[in-house]
Amino acid sequence: MNEPLDSHALDQLFYEARTHYSWLDKPVSDDTLRRLYELMRWAPTSANTNPARIVFLRTPAAKKRLLPALAAGNVEKVMTAPVTAIIAFDMKFYDKLPKLFPHNPRMKGLFENTPELVDVTARRNSSLQGAYLIIAARALGLDVGPLSGFDNAKVDEEFFDAGRECADCTEEFFPEGHVKVNFLCNLGYGDASKLQPRLPRLSFEEACTLL
């Protein structure tokens, strides 16, 4: 039986955690990003589908490829963050189910023959995995700044189009256009001096029902 986390851990993950838009000039190591994924990958997804695919943009050159897709208000947030993660989803995630869900070999065929189930499963579970990434990042001492406000089609074309010529492209992340962006998340060490007052949240009574 798991023991509850102490108040310090809860503060770091939730109560005192903030969304950051300004960043300290402190790098995030590749080892930290690997540890981040190592944590988040153990959290649950339906049928263990694990549809999320993540591209970590760590250099100014990589960030510049994202600029044409960004809303004006997000440009500085992205360019000053040590890392920007593109959280995407693979619409052919089911190809990996023989490895991820080996006890039910029929599951791959179920998804192959039900495209509407593929879409909702990929979007829902990659969103879950993006949330796990946020919690894992905070657990490792990082701050986060998740973002909407970008042109999905432009991100997909730049980073996930198999026909695009790019020296940094790999087959895994440019697989014939079936990886699609979900959202962006800046990662680093936030500048607490730039934080605005925290916005309110709904109370239990406003958001929940006990049946």
N, C-alpha and C. Protein backbone atom coordinates (compact mmCIF):
# COMPACT_ATOMS: atom_id res chain seq x y z
N MET A 1 0.85 -1.20 0.00
CA MET A 1 0.00 0.00 0.00
C MET A 1 0.88 1.24 0.00
N ASN A 2 0.61 2.17 -0.91
CA ASN A 2 1.39 3.39 -1.01
C ASN A 2 1.08 4.35 0.14
N GLU A 3 2.11 5.03 0.61
CA GLU A 3 1.95 6.05 1.62
C GLU A 3 1.74 7.41 0.93
N PRO A 4 0.92 8.29 1.52
CA PRO A 4 0.75 9.62 0.93
C PRO A 4 2.07 10.38 0.88
N LEU A 5 2.23 11.20 -0.15
CA LEU A 5 3.40 12.07 -0.22
C LEU A 5 3.34 13.11 0.89
N ASP A 6 4.51 13.56 1.32
CA ASP A 6 4.53 14.59 2.35
C ASP A 6 4.15 15.94 1.76
N SER A 7 3.96 16.92 2.63
CA SER A 7 3.45 18.22 2.19
C SER A 7 4.45 18.92 1.26
N HIS A 8 5.74 18.71 1.47
CA HIS A 8 6.74 19.33 0.60
C HIS A 8 6.60 18.82 -0.82
N ALA A 9 6.42 17.52 -0.98
CA ALA A 9 6.27 16.95 -2.32
C ALA A 9 4.99 17.45 -2.98
N LEU A 10 3.90 17.54 -2.22
CA LEU A 10 2.65 18.03 -2.78
C LEU A 10 2.76 19.50 -3.18
N ASP A 11 3.47 20.27 -2.38
CA ASP A 11 3.71 21.68 -2.75
C ASP A 11 4.46 21.76 -4.08
N GLN A 12 5.51 20.94 -4.24
CA GLN A 12 6.34 21.00 -5.44
C GLN A 12 5.57 20.58 -6.68
N LEU A 13 4.68 19.60 -6.53
CA LEU A 13 3.95 19.09 -7.68
C LEU A 13 2.71 19.90 -7.99
N PHE A 14 2.05 20.47 -6.95
CA PHE A 14 0.75 21.09 -7.17
C PHE A 14 0.59 22.46 -6.51
N TYR A 15 0.59 22.50 -5.19
CA TYR A 15 0.14 23.69 -4.48
C TYR A 15 0.99 24.92 -4.77
N GLU A 16 2.31 24.76 -4.86
CA GLU A 16 3.17 25.91 -5.12
C GLU A 16 3.74 25.90 -6.53
N ALA A 17 3.42 24.91 -7.32
CA ALA A 17 3.90 24.84 -8.71
C ALA A 17 3.17 25.88 -9.55
N ARG A 18 3.90 26.51 -10.46
CA ARG A 18 3.33 27.56 -11.28
C ARG A 18 3.66 27.31 -12.75
N THR A 19 2.85 27.89 -13.63
CA THR A 19 3.16 27.92 -15.05
C THR A 19 4.13 29.08 -15.31
N HIS A 20 5.27 28.76 -15.91
CA HIS A 20 6.31 29.78 -16.10
C HIS A 20 6.41 30.20 -17.57
N TYR A 21 6.64 31.50 -17.75
CA TYR A 21 6.84 32.07 -19.08
C TYR A 21 8.18 32.79 -19.20
N SER A 22 8.87 32.99 -18.08
CA SER A 22 10.19 33.60 -18.07
C SER A 22 11.16 32.62 -17.41
N TRP A 23 12.39 32.60 -17.93
CA TRP A 23 13.29 31.52 -17.58
C TRP A 23 14.66 32.03 -17.16
N LEU A 24 15.26 31.33 -16.20
CA LEU A 24 16.64 31.59 -15.82
C LEU A 24 17.58 31.04 -16.89
N ASP A 25 18.74 31.63 -16.99
CA ASP A 25 19.75 31.18 -17.95
C ASP A 25 20.49 29.98 -17.36
N LYS A 26 19.79 28.87 -17.30
CA LYS A 26 20.32 27.64 -16.70
C LYS A 26 19.91 26.48 -17.59
N PRO A 27 20.86 25.74 -18.13
CA PRO A 27 20.51 24.69 -19.10
C PRO A 27 19.86 23.47 -18.44
N VAL A 28 19.14 22.73 -19.26
CA VAL A 28 18.59 21.43 -18.87
C VAL A 28 19.38 20.36 -19.62
N SER A 29 19.97 19.46 -18.89
CA SER A 29 20.85 18.47 -19.52
C SER A 29 20.05 17.40 -20.26
N ASP A 30 20.70 16.78 -21.23
CA ASP A 30 20.08 15.65 -21.93
C ASP A 30 19.78 14.52 -20.96
N ASP A 31 20.64 14.34 -19.97
CA ASP A 31 20.39 13.30 -18.98
C ASP A 31 19.11 13.56 -18.21
N THR A 32 18.84 14.82 -17.90
CA THR A 32 17.59 15.17 -17.21
C THR A 32 16.38 14.87 -18.09
N LEU A 33 16.47 15.15 -19.38
CA LEU A 33 15.37 14.85 -20.29
C LEU A 33 15.14 13.36 -20.39
N ARG A 34 16.22 12.58 -20.37
CA ARG A 34 16.06 11.13 -20.39
C ARG A 34 15.41 10.63 -19.11
N ARG A 35 15.80 11.20 -17.97
CA ARG A 35 15.18 10.83 -16.70
C ARG A 35 13.70 11.22 -16.69
N LEU A 36 13.40 12.36 -17.28
CA LEU A 36 12.02 12.82 -17.39
C LEU A 36 11.16 11.80 -18.13
N TYR A 37 11.64 11.36 -19.29
CA TYR A 37 10.87 10.36 -20.02
C TYR A 37 10.81 9.04 -19.27
N GLU A 38 11.90 8.68 -18.61
CA GLU A 38 11.91 7.42 -17.86
C GLU A 38 10.83 7.42 -16.78
N LEU A 39 10.57 8.56 -16.16
CA LEU A 39 9.49 8.65 -15.19
C LEU A 39 8.12 8.57 -15.84
N MET A 40 7.89 9.41 -16.85
CA MET A 40 6.54 9.55 -17.39
C MET A 40 6.07 8.30 -18.12
N ARG A 41 6.99 7.50 -18.66
CA ARG A 41 6.59 6.37 -19.48
C ARG A 41 5.90 5.27 -18.70
N TRP A 42 6.04 5.29 -17.35
CA TRP A 42 5.41 4.25 -16.53
C TRP A 42 3.97 4.57 -16.16
N ALA A 43 3.50 5.75 -16.45
CA ALA A 43 2.13 6.12 -16.12
C ALA A 43 1.15 5.48 -17.12
N PRO A 44 -0.11 5.29 -16.74
CA PRO A 44 -1.02 4.48 -17.55
C PRO A 44 -1.56 5.17 -18.79
N THR A 45 -1.75 4.36 -19.83
CA THR A 45 -2.52 4.74 -21.02
C THR A 45 -3.43 3.57 -21.35
N SER A 46 -4.52 3.83 -22.07
CA SER A 46 -5.47 2.76 -22.36
C SER A 46 -4.83 1.72 -23.26
N ALA A 47 -4.99 0.45 -22.86
CA ALA A 47 -4.40 -0.69 -23.57
C ALA A 47 -2.89 -0.53 -23.74
N ASN A 48 -2.27 0.25 -22.84
CA ASN A 48 -0.83 0.50 -22.88
C ASN A 48 -0.38 1.00 -24.25
N THR A 49 -1.20 1.84 -24.87
CA THR A 49 -0.94 2.27 -26.24
C THR A 49 0.26 3.20 -26.37
N ASN A 50 0.52 4.03 -25.36
CA ASN A 50 1.67 4.93 -25.39
C ASN A 50 1.81 5.68 -26.72
N PRO A 51 0.78 6.44 -27.14
CA PRO A 51 0.85 7.08 -28.46
C PRO A 51 1.71 8.34 -28.51
N ALA A 52 2.11 8.88 -27.37
CA ALA A 52 2.85 10.15 -27.38
C ALA A 52 4.23 9.97 -28.01
N ARG A 53 4.61 10.94 -28.82
CA ARG A 53 5.96 11.05 -29.37
C ARG A 53 6.44 12.46 -29.05
N ILE A 54 7.65 12.58 -28.56
CA ILE A 54 8.13 13.86 -28.05
C ILE A 54 9.40 14.27 -28.77
N VAL A 55 9.43 15.51 -29.23
CA VAL A 55 10.64 16.10 -29.78
C VAL A 55 11.07 17.21 -28.83
N PHE A 56 12.28 17.09 -28.29
CA PHE A 56 12.83 18.11 -27.40
C PHE A 56 13.70 19.07 -28.21
N LEU A 57 13.26 20.31 -28.30
CA LEU A 57 14.02 21.34 -29.00
C LEU A 57 14.95 22.02 -28.00
N ARG A 58 16.27 21.84 -28.17
CA ARG A 58 17.23 22.28 -27.17
C ARG A 58 18.14 23.39 -27.66
N THR A 59 18.15 23.66 -28.95
CA THR A 59 19.09 24.62 -29.52
C THR A 59 18.35 25.77 -30.19
N PRO A 60 18.99 26.94 -30.33
CA PRO A 60 18.35 28.04 -31.06
C PRO A 60 17.96 27.65 -32.49
N ALA A 61 18.79 26.86 -33.15
CA ALA A 61 18.47 26.44 -34.52
C ALA A 61 17.20 25.61 -34.55
N ALA A 62 17.04 24.70 -33.59
CA ALA A 62 15.83 23.89 -33.54
C ALA A 62 14.61 24.74 -33.22
N LYS A 63 14.78 25.70 -32.31
CA LYS A 63 13.66 26.57 -31.95
C LYS A 63 13.21 27.42 -33.13
N LYS A 64 14.17 27.88 -33.95
CA LYS A 64 13.82 28.73 -35.09
C LYS A 64 12.93 28.01 -36.09
N ARG A 65 13.05 26.72 -36.17
CA ARG A 65 12.17 25.95 -37.06
C ARG A 65 10.71 26.02 -36.59
N LEU A 66 10.52 26.28 -35.31
CA LEU A 66 9.17 26.36 -34.75
C LEU A 66 8.56 27.75 -34.90
N LEU A 67 9.39 28.76 -35.08
CA LEU A 67 8.92 30.15 -35.04
C LEU A 67 7.76 30.44 -35.99
N PRO A 68 7.79 30.00 -37.27
CA PRO A 68 6.69 30.36 -38.18
C PRO A 68 5.33 29.84 -37.73
N ALA A 69 5.33 28.85 -36.86
CA ALA A 69 4.06 28.27 -36.41
C ALA A 69 3.51 28.92 -35.15
N LEU A 70 4.31 29.77 -34.48
CA LEU A 70 3.92 30.29 -33.18
C LEU A 70 3.09 31.56 -33.28
N ALA A 71 2.11 31.68 -32.38
CA ALA A 71 1.43 32.96 -32.19
C ALA A 71 2.45 33.96 -31.66
N ALA A 72 2.26 35.23 -32.00
CA ALA A 72 3.24 36.26 -31.65
C ALA A 72 3.54 36.29 -30.16
N GLY A 73 2.54 36.08 -29.35
CA GLY A 73 2.72 36.14 -27.90
C GLY A 73 3.51 35.00 -27.32
N ASN A 74 3.76 33.96 -28.12
CA ASN A 74 4.49 32.81 -27.62
C ASN A 74 5.95 32.76 -28.07
N VAL A 75 6.34 33.67 -28.95
CA VAL A 75 7.69 33.61 -29.53
C VAL A 75 8.76 33.76 -28.45
N GLU A 76 8.67 34.80 -27.64
CA GLU A 76 9.69 35.03 -26.61
C GLU A 76 9.68 33.90 -25.58
N LYS A 77 8.51 33.40 -25.24
CA LYS A 77 8.42 32.30 -24.26
C LYS A 77 9.20 31.08 -24.74
N VAL A 78 9.07 30.78 -26.01
CA VAL A 78 9.75 29.61 -26.57
C VAL A 78 11.25 29.87 -26.73
N MET A 79 11.61 31.02 -27.27
CA MET A 79 13.01 31.28 -27.60
C MET A 79 13.87 31.44 -26.35
N THR A 80 13.28 31.83 -25.23
CA THR A 80 14.07 32.00 -24.01
C THR A 80 14.05 30.76 -23.12
N ALA A 81 13.18 29.82 -23.38
CA ALA A 81 13.13 28.59 -22.58
C ALA A 81 14.32 27.69 -22.92
N PRO A 82 14.93 27.04 -21.95
CA PRO A 82 16.03 26.12 -22.25
C PRO A 82 15.62 24.99 -23.20
N VAL A 83 14.40 24.48 -23.02
CA VAL A 83 13.91 23.38 -23.85
C VAL A 83 12.44 23.62 -24.15
N THR A 84 12.05 23.33 -25.38
CA THR A 84 10.63 23.29 -25.73
C THR A 84 10.32 21.88 -26.22
N ALA A 85 9.37 21.23 -25.56
CA ALA A 85 8.97 19.89 -25.95
C ALA A 85 7.75 19.96 -26.86
N ILE A 86 7.83 19.31 -28.00
CA ILE A 86 6.65 19.10 -28.85
C ILE A 86 6.05 17.77 -28.44
N ILE A 87 4.88 17.83 -27.82
CA ILE A 87 4.19 16.59 -27.46
C ILE A 87 3.23 16.26 -28.60
N ALA A 88 3.49 15.16 -29.25
CA ALA A 88 2.73 14.76 -30.42
C ALA A 88 2.15 13.36 -30.20
N PHE A 89 1.40 12.90 -31.19
CA PHE A 89 0.85 11.55 -31.09
C PHE A 89 1.00 10.84 -32.43
N ASP A 90 1.25 9.54 -32.34
CA ASP A 90 1.44 8.71 -33.52
C ASP A 90 0.12 8.04 -33.86
N MET A 91 -0.41 8.35 -35.05
CA MET A 91 -1.69 7.77 -35.46
C MET A 91 -1.55 6.29 -35.85
N LYS A 92 -0.33 5.80 -35.88
CA LYS A 92 -0.11 4.37 -36.10
C LYS A 92 0.56 3.75 -34.87
N PHE A 93 0.15 4.24 -33.70
CA PHE A 93 0.68 3.71 -32.45
C PHE A 93 0.45 2.21 -32.32
N TYR A 94 -0.59 1.72 -32.98
CA TYR A 94 -0.95 0.31 -32.86
C TYR A 94 0.11 -0.62 -33.44
N ASP A 95 1.00 -0.10 -34.26
CA ASP A 95 2.09 -0.94 -34.79
C ASP A 95 3.00 -1.45 -33.67
N LYS A 96 3.03 -0.75 -32.55
CA LYS A 96 3.88 -1.16 -31.43
C LYS A 96 3.14 -2.00 -30.40
N LEU A 97 1.86 -2.27 -30.64
CA LEU A 97 1.10 -3.04 -29.65
C LEU A 97 1.57 -4.48 -29.48
N PRO A 98 2.09 -5.16 -30.50
CA PRO A 98 2.64 -6.50 -30.23
C PRO A 98 3.71 -6.49 -29.14
N LYS A 99 4.46 -5.39 -29.02
CA LYS A 99 5.43 -5.25 -27.93
C LYS A 99 4.77 -4.77 -26.65
N LEU A 100 3.88 -3.78 -26.76
CA LEU A 100 3.32 -3.11 -25.58
C LEU A 100 2.14 -3.85 -24.96
N PHE A 101 1.43 -4.65 -25.74
CA PHE A 101 0.22 -5.33 -25.27
C PHE A 101 0.23 -6.78 -25.77
N PRO A 102 1.29 -7.53 -25.45
CA PRO A 102 1.50 -8.83 -26.08
C PRO A 102 0.48 -9.90 -25.71
N HIS A 103 -0.19 -9.73 -24.59
CA HIS A 103 -1.14 -10.77 -24.15
C HIS A 103 -2.45 -10.75 -24.94
N ASN A 104 -2.65 -9.71 -25.77
CA ASN A 104 -3.86 -9.65 -26.60
C ASN A 104 -3.46 -9.29 -28.02
N PRO A 105 -3.07 -10.26 -28.82
CA PRO A 105 -2.60 -9.97 -30.18
C PRO A 105 -3.67 -9.42 -31.11
N ARG A 106 -4.93 -9.51 -30.71
CA ARG A 106 -6.00 -8.99 -31.57
C ARG A 106 -6.15 -7.48 -31.47
N MET A 107 -5.53 -6.88 -30.46
CA MET A 107 -5.73 -5.45 -30.24
C MET A 107 -5.20 -4.62 -31.41
N LYS A 108 -4.09 -5.00 -31.98
CA LYS A 108 -3.54 -4.26 -33.12
C LYS A 108 -4.54 -4.21 -34.26
N GLY A 109 -5.15 -5.35 -34.60
CA GLY A 109 -6.12 -5.40 -35.67
C GLY A 109 -7.37 -4.59 -35.37
N LEU A 110 -7.76 -4.55 -34.11
CA LEU A 110 -8.92 -3.75 -33.73
C LEU A 110 -8.71 -2.29 -34.10
N PHE A 111 -7.56 -1.76 -33.78
CA PHE A 111 -7.28 -0.36 -34.10
C PHE A 111 -7.11 -0.16 -35.60
N GLU A 112 -6.43 -1.06 -36.27
CA GLU A 112 -6.22 -0.94 -37.71
C GLU A 112 -7.55 -0.84 -38.46
N ASN A 113 -8.57 -1.51 -37.96
CA ASN A 113 -9.86 -1.57 -38.64
C ASN A 113 -10.88 -0.57 -38.10
N THR A 114 -10.47 0.27 -37.14
CA THR A 114 -11.40 1.22 -36.53
C THR A 114 -10.72 2.58 -36.45
N PRO A 115 -10.65 3.32 -37.56
CA PRO A 115 -9.90 4.59 -37.57
C PRO A 115 -10.43 5.62 -36.58
N GLU A 116 -11.75 5.63 -36.35
CA GLU A 116 -12.27 6.61 -35.40
C GLU A 116 -11.79 6.31 -33.98
N LEU A 117 -11.56 5.03 -33.66
CA LEU A 117 -11.03 4.66 -32.36
C LEU A 117 -9.55 5.05 -32.26
N VAL A 118 -8.83 4.95 -33.35
CA VAL A 118 -7.43 5.37 -33.38
C VAL A 118 -7.31 6.85 -33.03
N ASP A 119 -8.12 7.68 -33.66
CA ASP A 119 -8.03 9.12 -33.46
C ASP A 119 -8.29 9.50 -32.01
N VAL A 120 -9.39 9.02 -31.44
CA VAL A 120 -9.73 9.42 -30.08
C VAL A 120 -8.74 8.83 -29.08
N THR A 121 -8.24 7.64 -29.33
CA THR A 121 -7.27 7.02 -28.42
C THR A 121 -5.94 7.77 -28.45
N ALA A 122 -5.49 8.13 -29.65
CA ALA A 122 -4.22 8.83 -29.78
C ALA A 122 -4.28 10.20 -29.11
N ARG A 123 -5.34 10.94 -29.35
CA ARG A 123 -5.45 12.29 -28.79
C ARG A 123 -5.61 12.26 -27.27
N ARG A 124 -6.49 11.41 -26.79
CA ARG A 124 -6.74 11.37 -25.34
C ARG A 124 -5.50 10.91 -24.58
N ASN A 125 -4.88 9.86 -25.05
CA ASN A 125 -3.78 9.30 -24.28
C ASN A 125 -2.48 10.08 -24.43
N SER A 126 -2.27 10.74 -25.57
CA SER A 126 -1.10 11.62 -25.65
C SER A 126 -1.29 12.85 -24.77
N SER A 127 -2.53 13.29 -24.60
CA SER A 127 -2.80 14.38 -23.66
C SER A 127 -2.50 13.94 -22.23
N LEU A 128 -2.91 12.73 -21.89
CA LEU A 128 -2.56 12.18 -20.58
C LEU A 128 -1.05 12.13 -20.41
N GLN A 129 -0.35 11.64 -21.42
CA GLN A 129 1.09 11.53 -21.31
C GLN A 129 1.76 12.90 -21.21
N GLY A 130 1.19 13.89 -21.87
CA GLY A 130 1.70 15.25 -21.72
C GLY A 130 1.54 15.76 -20.30
N ALA A 131 0.42 15.41 -19.67
CA ALA A 131 0.21 15.79 -18.27
C ALA A 131 1.19 15.05 -17.37
N TYR A 132 1.44 13.78 -17.67
CA TYR A 132 2.44 13.04 -16.90
C TYR A 132 3.81 13.69 -17.04
N LEU A 133 4.12 14.18 -18.24
CA LEU A 133 5.40 14.86 -18.45
C LEU A 133 5.51 16.07 -17.53
N ILE A 134 4.44 16.83 -17.41
CA ILE A 134 4.46 18.02 -16.55
C ILE A 134 4.73 17.64 -15.10
N ILE A 135 4.05 16.61 -14.61
CA ILE A 135 4.24 16.19 -13.22
C ILE A 135 5.65 15.62 -13.02
N ALA A 136 6.11 14.83 -13.99
CA ALA A 136 7.46 14.26 -13.89
C ALA A 136 8.51 15.37 -13.89
N ALA A 137 8.32 16.38 -14.73
CA ALA A 137 9.27 17.49 -14.78
C ALA A 137 9.33 18.19 -13.43
N ARG A 138 8.20 18.47 -12.83
CA ARG A 138 8.19 19.11 -11.52
C ARG A 138 8.84 18.22 -10.47
N ALA A 139 8.62 16.91 -10.56
CA ALA A 139 9.23 15.99 -9.61
C ALA A 139 10.75 16.02 -9.69
N LEU A 140 11.29 16.34 -10.88
CA LEU A 140 12.74 16.41 -11.07
C LEU A 140 13.30 17.80 -10.81
N GLY A 141 12.46 18.71 -10.34
CA GLY A 141 12.93 20.05 -10.02
C GLY A 141 12.85 21.04 -11.16
N LEU A 142 12.25 20.66 -12.27
CA LEU A 142 12.07 21.57 -13.40
C LEU A 142 10.79 22.36 -13.25
N ASP A 143 10.72 23.48 -13.95
CA ASP A 143 9.47 24.23 -14.11
C ASP A 143 8.95 24.01 -15.52
N VAL A 144 7.67 24.26 -15.71
CA VAL A 144 7.03 23.99 -17.00
C VAL A 144 6.18 25.17 -17.44
N GLY A 145 5.99 25.26 -18.74
CA GLY A 145 5.11 26.26 -19.33
C GLY A 145 4.41 25.69 -20.53
N PRO A 146 3.32 24.93 -20.33
CA PRO A 146 2.60 24.37 -21.47
C PRO A 146 1.96 25.45 -22.32
N LEU A 147 1.90 25.22 -23.64
CA LEU A 147 1.43 26.23 -24.58
C LEU A 147 0.46 25.66 -25.60
N SER A 148 -0.60 26.43 -25.84
CA SER A 148 -1.34 26.35 -27.10
C SER A 148 -0.87 27.57 -27.89
N GLY A 149 -1.67 28.01 -28.83
CA GLY A 149 -1.28 29.21 -29.57
C GLY A 149 -0.21 28.95 -30.60
N PHE A 150 -0.48 28.00 -31.49
CA PHE A 150 0.42 27.71 -32.60
C PHE A 150 -0.39 27.08 -33.72
N ASP A 151 0.19 27.06 -34.91
CA ASP A 151 -0.45 26.48 -36.09
C ASP A 151 -0.08 25.00 -36.17
N ASN A 152 -1.06 24.14 -35.88
CA ASN A 152 -0.79 22.70 -35.87
C ASN A 152 -0.24 22.21 -37.20
N ALA A 153 -0.84 22.66 -38.28
CA ALA A 153 -0.43 22.16 -39.59
C ALA A 153 1.01 22.53 -39.89
N LYS A 154 1.43 23.73 -39.50
CA LYS A 154 2.80 24.16 -39.75
C LYS A 154 3.80 23.35 -38.92
N VAL A 155 3.43 23.05 -37.67
CA VAL A 155 4.31 22.22 -36.85
C VAL A 155 4.43 20.82 -37.44
N ASP A 156 3.30 20.26 -37.85
CA ASP A 156 3.33 18.92 -38.45
C ASP A 156 4.18 18.90 -39.71
N GLU A 157 4.03 19.92 -40.54
CA GLU A 157 4.78 19.97 -41.79
C GLU A 157 6.28 20.09 -41.53
N GLU A 158 6.64 20.90 -40.55
CA GLU A 158 8.06 21.16 -40.29
C GLU A 158 8.75 19.98 -39.61
N PHE A 159 8.05 19.33 -38.69
CA PHE A 159 8.71 18.32 -37.88
C PHE A 159 8.29 16.88 -38.17
N PHE A 160 7.15 16.68 -38.81
CA PHE A 160 6.65 15.32 -38.96
C PHE A 160 6.27 14.96 -40.39
N ASP A 161 6.79 15.69 -41.36
CA ASP A 161 6.49 15.42 -42.76
C ASP A 161 7.62 14.58 -43.35
N ALA A 162 7.31 13.35 -43.76
CA ALA A 162 8.33 12.44 -44.25
C ALA A 162 8.99 12.96 -45.52
N GLY A 163 8.30 13.79 -46.28
CA GLY A 163 8.86 14.26 -47.54
C GLY A 163 9.77 15.46 -47.41
N ARG A 164 9.88 16.02 -46.20
CA ARG A 164 10.68 17.23 -46.03
C ARG A 164 12.15 16.88 -45.91
N GLU A 165 12.98 17.62 -46.60
CA GLU A 165 14.42 17.40 -46.50
C GLU A 165 14.96 18.16 -45.28
N CYS A 166 15.63 17.41 -44.41
CA CYS A 166 16.13 18.01 -43.17
C CYS A 166 17.28 17.16 -42.65
N ALA A 167 18.38 17.84 -42.33
CA ALA A 167 19.57 17.10 -41.88
C ALA A 167 19.34 16.42 -40.54
N ASP A 168 18.41 16.97 -39.73
CA ASP A 168 18.19 16.41 -38.40
C ASP A 168 17.05 15.40 -38.37
N CYS A 169 16.42 15.14 -39.50
CA CYS A 169 15.26 14.26 -39.51
C CYS A 169 15.68 12.81 -39.29
N THR A 170 14.80 12.07 -38.62
CA THR A 170 15.01 10.64 -38.46
C THR A 170 13.76 9.93 -38.92
N GLU A 171 13.91 8.71 -39.34
CA GLU A 171 12.77 7.96 -39.86
C GLU A 171 11.67 7.82 -38.82
N GLU A 172 12.07 7.63 -37.56
CA GLU A 172 11.08 7.40 -36.52
C GLU A 172 10.15 8.59 -36.35
N PHE A 173 10.68 9.81 -36.47
CA PHE A 173 9.86 10.98 -36.20
C PHE A 173 9.37 11.67 -37.47
N PHE A 174 9.61 11.09 -38.61
CA PHE A 174 9.08 11.65 -39.85
C PHE A 174 8.45 10.52 -40.66
N PRO A 175 7.50 9.81 -40.05
CA PRO A 175 6.99 8.58 -40.66
C PRO A 175 5.73 8.81 -41.49
N GLU A 176 5.93 9.32 -42.69
CA GLU A 176 4.85 9.43 -43.66
C GLU A 176 3.65 10.21 -43.13
N GLY A 177 3.92 11.19 -42.30
CA GLY A 177 2.87 12.11 -41.88
C GLY A 177 1.88 11.59 -40.87
N HIS A 178 2.16 10.47 -40.19
CA HIS A 178 1.15 9.99 -39.24
C HIS A 178 1.47 10.32 -37.78
N VAL A 179 2.44 11.21 -37.56
CA VAL A 179 2.63 11.82 -36.24
C VAL A 179 2.09 13.25 -36.31
N LYS A 180 1.29 13.63 -35.30
CA LYS A 180 0.63 14.94 -35.28
C LYS A 180 0.90 15.62 -33.94
N VAL A 181 1.10 16.94 -33.97
CA VAL A 181 1.34 17.67 -32.73
C VAL A 181 0.06 17.75 -31.90
N ASN A 182 0.22 17.67 -30.58
CA ASN A 182 -0.88 17.88 -29.65
C ASN A 182 -0.71 19.25 -28.98
N PHE A 183 0.38 19.44 -28.21
CA PHE A 183 0.64 20.75 -27.62
C PHE A 183 2.13 20.90 -27.38
N LEU A 184 2.53 22.09 -26.98
CA LEU A 184 3.93 22.40 -26.68
C LEU A 184 4.09 22.60 -25.19
N CYS A 185 5.31 22.35 -24.71
CA CYS A 185 5.58 22.60 -23.29
C CYS A 185 7.02 23.05 -23.11
N ASN A 186 7.20 24.27 -22.62
CA ASN A 186 8.53 24.76 -22.29
C ASN A 186 9.00 24.14 -20.98
N LEU A 187 10.29 23.85 -20.92
CA LEU A 187 10.89 23.22 -19.75
C LEU A 187 12.16 23.99 -19.36
N GLY A 188 12.37 24.12 -18.07
CA GLY A 188 13.58 24.78 -17.61
C GLY A 188 13.46 25.13 -16.15
N TYR A 189 14.13 26.22 -15.78
CA TYR A 189 14.10 26.70 -14.40
C TYR A 189 13.53 28.11 -14.46
N GLY A 190 12.31 28.23 -13.96
CA GLY A 190 11.57 29.47 -14.11
C GLY A 190 12.12 30.61 -13.28
N ASP A 191 11.92 31.81 -13.78
CA ASP A 191 12.30 33.03 -13.07
C ASP A 191 11.12 33.45 -12.19
N ALA A 192 11.19 33.09 -10.92
CA ALA A 192 10.07 33.35 -10.01
C ALA A 192 9.78 34.83 -9.84
N SER A 193 10.78 35.68 -10.09
CA SER A 193 10.57 37.12 -9.92
C SER A 193 9.62 37.69 -10.97
N LYS A 194 9.38 36.93 -12.05
CA LYS A 194 8.52 37.40 -13.14
C LYS A 194 7.09 36.85 -13.04
N LEU A 195 6.81 36.07 -12.00
CA LEU A 195 5.48 35.47 -11.88
C LEU A 195 4.43 36.52 -11.53
N GLN A 196 3.26 36.36 -12.10
CA GLN A 196 2.10 37.17 -11.75
C GLN A 196 1.33 36.49 -10.62
N PRO A 197 0.43 37.21 -9.95
CA PRO A 197 -0.38 36.56 -8.91
C PRO A 197 -1.11 35.34 -9.48
N ARG A 198 -1.21 34.33 -8.67
CA ARG A 198 -1.80 33.08 -9.13
C ARG A 198 -3.30 33.25 -9.37
N LEU A 199 -3.75 32.69 -10.48
CA LEU A 199 -5.18 32.76 -10.81
C LEU A 199 -5.97 31.76 -9.98
N PRO A 200 -7.25 32.03 -9.76
CA PRO A 200 -8.06 31.12 -8.93
C PRO A 200 -8.39 29.82 -9.65
N ARG A 201 -8.85 28.85 -8.90
CA ARG A 201 -9.33 27.58 -9.41
C ARG A 201 -10.75 27.35 -8.90
N LEU A 202 -11.46 26.46 -9.55
CA LEU A 202 -12.79 26.11 -9.08
C LEU A 202 -12.70 25.30 -7.79
N SER A 203 -13.68 25.50 -6.92
CA SER A 203 -13.74 24.72 -5.69
C SER A 203 -14.29 23.33 -5.98
N PHE A 204 -14.17 22.45 -5.02
CA PHE A 204 -14.74 21.11 -5.14
C PHE A 204 -16.23 21.17 -5.49
N GLU A 205 -16.94 22.05 -4.79
CA GLU A 205 -18.39 22.15 -4.97
C GLU A 205 -18.76 22.64 -6.37
N GLU A 206 -17.89 23.45 -6.98
CA GLU A 206 -18.15 23.96 -8.31
C GLU A 206 -17.83 22.95 -9.41
N ALA A 207 -16.94 22.04 -9.13
CA ALA A 207 -16.44 21.15 -10.20
C ALA A 207 -16.77 19.68 -10.03
N CYS A 208 -17.22 19.29 -8.83
CA CYS A 208 -17.35 17.86 -8.54
C CYS A 208 -18.73 17.52 -8.00
N THR A 209 -19.12 16.28 -8.20
CA THR A 209 -20.36 15.74 -7.66
C THR A 209 -20.05 14.39 -7.02
N LEU A 210 -20.61 14.16 -5.86
CA LEU A 210 -20.49 12.87 -5.18
C LEU A 210 -21.80 12.11 -5.38
N LEU A 211 -21.74 10.92 -5.96
CA LEU A 211 -22.94 10.12 -6.21
C LEU A 211 -22.92 8.87 -5.34
